Structures are given as C-alpha cells and as structure tokens.
Protein backbone atom coordinates (compact mmCIF):
# COMPACT_ATOMS: atom_id res chain seq x y z
CA UNK A 1 -11.99 -13.00 18.82
CA UNK A 2 -9.08 -13.02 16.34
CA UNK A 3 -5.97 -11.52 17.29
CA UNK A 4 -3.85 -9.46 14.86
CA UNK A 5 -0.74 -10.85 13.46
CA UNK A 6 2.47 -8.56 13.11
CA UNK A 7 4.51 -9.86 10.35
CA UNK A 8 7.88 -8.49 9.12
CA UNK A 9 7.41 -7.49 5.55
CA UNK A 10 10.75 -5.86 4.32
CA UNK A 11 13.90 -4.04 5.57
CA UNK A 12 13.30 -0.20 5.24
CA UNK A 13 16.44 0.00 3.33
CA UNK A 14 15.22 -2.20 0.61
CA UNK A 15 11.86 0.01 -0.05
CA UNK A 16 13.04 2.82 -2.48
CA UNK A 17 10.95 6.04 -2.11
CA UNK A 18 7.90 6.41 -4.29
CA UNK A 19 7.99 3.19 -5.90
CA UNK A 20 5.62 0.50 -4.84
CA UNK A 21 6.58 -3.13 -3.85
CA UNK A 22 4.24 -6.00 -4.35
CA UNK A 23 4.14 -8.86 -1.61
CA UNK A 24 2.07 -11.66 -0.79
CA UNK A 25 1.75 -12.20 3.03
CA UNK A 26 -0.48 -14.87 4.44
CA UNK A 27 -1.96 -15.16 1.02
CA UNK A 28 -2.93 -11.41 0.64
CA UNK A 29 -1.64 -9.41 -2.05
CA UNK A 30 0.00 -6.22 -0.73
CA UNK A 31 1.48 -3.02 -2.13
CA UNK A 32 3.93 -1.15 -0.01
CA UNK A 33 4.96 2.23 -0.41
CA UNK A 34 7.54 4.54 1.24
CA UNK A 35 6.68 8.11 0.72
CA UNK A 36 8.78 10.95 0.40
CA UNK A 37 7.86 12.40 3.79
CA UNK A 38 9.26 9.06 5.19
CA UNK A 39 6.06 7.40 6.02
CA UNK A 40 5.45 3.66 4.88
CA UNK A 41 1.92 2.56 3.78
CA UNK A 42 0.49 -0.55 2.88
CA UNK A 43 -2.90 -1.19 0.84
CA UNK A 44 -4.40 -4.05 -0.86
CA UNK A 45 -2.60 -4.50 -4.28
CA UNK A 46 -5.68 -4.54 -6.60
CA UNK A 47 -7.52 -1.44 -7.97
CA UNK A 48 -11.40 -1.72 -7.47
CA UNK A 49 -12.01 -0.59 -10.77
CA UNK A 50 -10.37 -3.22 -13.34
CA UNK A 51 -8.09 -5.07 -10.79
CA UNK A 52 -4.84 -2.95 -11.69
CA UNK A 53 -1.70 -3.71 -9.78
CA UNK A 54 -1.44 -0.70 -7.57
CA UNK A 55 2.31 -1.36 -6.66
CA UNK A 56 3.04 -0.45 -10.25
CA UNK A 57 1.28 2.86 -9.99
CA UNK A 58 2.62 6.46 -9.70
CA UNK A 59 2.75 7.73 -6.24
CA UNK A 60 2.40 11.44 -5.66
CA UNK A 61 2.05 12.77 -1.88
CA UNK A 62 -0.06 10.33 -0.20
CA UNK A 63 -1.85 8.84 -3.12
CA UNK A 64 -1.24 6.24 -5.60
CA UNK A 65 -2.54 6.39 -9.13
CA UNK A 66 -3.65 3.05 -10.77
CA UNK A 67 -1.54 2.00 -13.87
CA UNK A 68 -4.38 1.11 -15.80
CA UNK A 69 -6.99 3.99 -15.69
CA UNK A 70 -5.17 6.43 -13.50
CA UNK A 71 -7.84 6.16 -10.58
CA UNK A 72 -6.44 8.01 -7.47
CA UNK A 73 -6.33 6.07 -4.28
CA UNK A 74 -5.56 7.61 -1.01
CA UNK A 75 -2.95 5.60 0.73
CA UNK A 76 -4.14 6.54 4.36
CA UNK A 77 -7.66 5.35 4.14
CA UNK A 78 -7.79 3.42 0.73
CA UNK A 79 -10.66 5.53 -0.63
CA UNK A 80 -10.80 6.18 -4.30
CA UNK A 81 -10.89 9.97 -5.00
CA UNK A 82 -13.97 11.58 -6.70
CA UNK A 83 -15.27 11.64 -9.32
CA UNK A 84 -14.54 7.75 -9.17
CA UNK A 85 -15.79 5.60 -6.26
CA UNK A 86 -14.69 2.55 -4.22
CA UNK A 87 -11.97 1.60 -1.86
CA UNK A 88 -9.29 -0.89 -1.02
CA UNK A 89 -8.12 -2.32 2.15
CA UNK A 90 -5.43 -0.50 4.19
CA UNK A 91 -2.83 -2.07 6.48
CA UNK A 92 -1.32 -0.68 9.65
CA UNK A 93 2.53 -0.46 9.25
CA UNK A 94 4.98 -0.24 11.94
CA UNK A 95 8.75 0.50 11.42
CA UNK A 96 11.27 -0.12 14.04
CA UNK A 97 14.80 0.51 13.20
CA UNK A 98 15.30 -0.91 9.76
CA UNK A 99 12.37 -3.29 9.79
CA UNK A 100 8.92 -2.75 8.44
CA UNK A 101 6.21 -4.69 9.98
CA UNK A 102 2.45 -5.20 8.72
CA UNK A 103 -0.40 -5.68 11.22
CA UNK A 104 -2.74 -8.22 9.53
C-alpha cells in the first residue's frame, strides 16, 4: 500500500486571493488557489476539454473557469459543471501557520 506524501507547496502569504498559481510537484502539474473565503484548493492544472492551464482561469466562489473555453470546474471535487462533462484530479490541502502543504 502506497503512503501519501505531505509536501510543502508554498507560503500562504505568497498565494494571492482569487489568482491561480501553477506549480510542479513530484512531476504533477498542479493549480493552487486561495479563495476569498480563506480556503486553499488544489487541482490538476489541465482542463479535460482542450488542456487549458487552469491556474490562468478566473476564480469565482469555489469554481475556476478554464481560460480557453470558459468551462466551469468545481474546486472541491474537480467536477466540470453542466452542460459540459468531465473532471480533474483534486488534492487535499493542509495549512499550518503560513505554510501550505499538499497531500499527494
């Protein structure tokens, strides 16, 4: 059984609200978001439609809009919103003091 890795991604103070941050951690392309409600979310950084870079999308509430074709993706479960279909991988995030960790 594989054990999850807890990896420091960034300092919370370096992550602006409602602006995505692209990062590569252990070879995985990840989009990290700090929402206006204070939550931090992490998802696969590639839209399932045409491969748009989700970190470059517009964040509204707990969704990100793909910058290529405006698909809405829920940052909680990675599900593309209807009428479009698909999903992206989500990552568990832990915040301790000023440090943001991803569970891979």
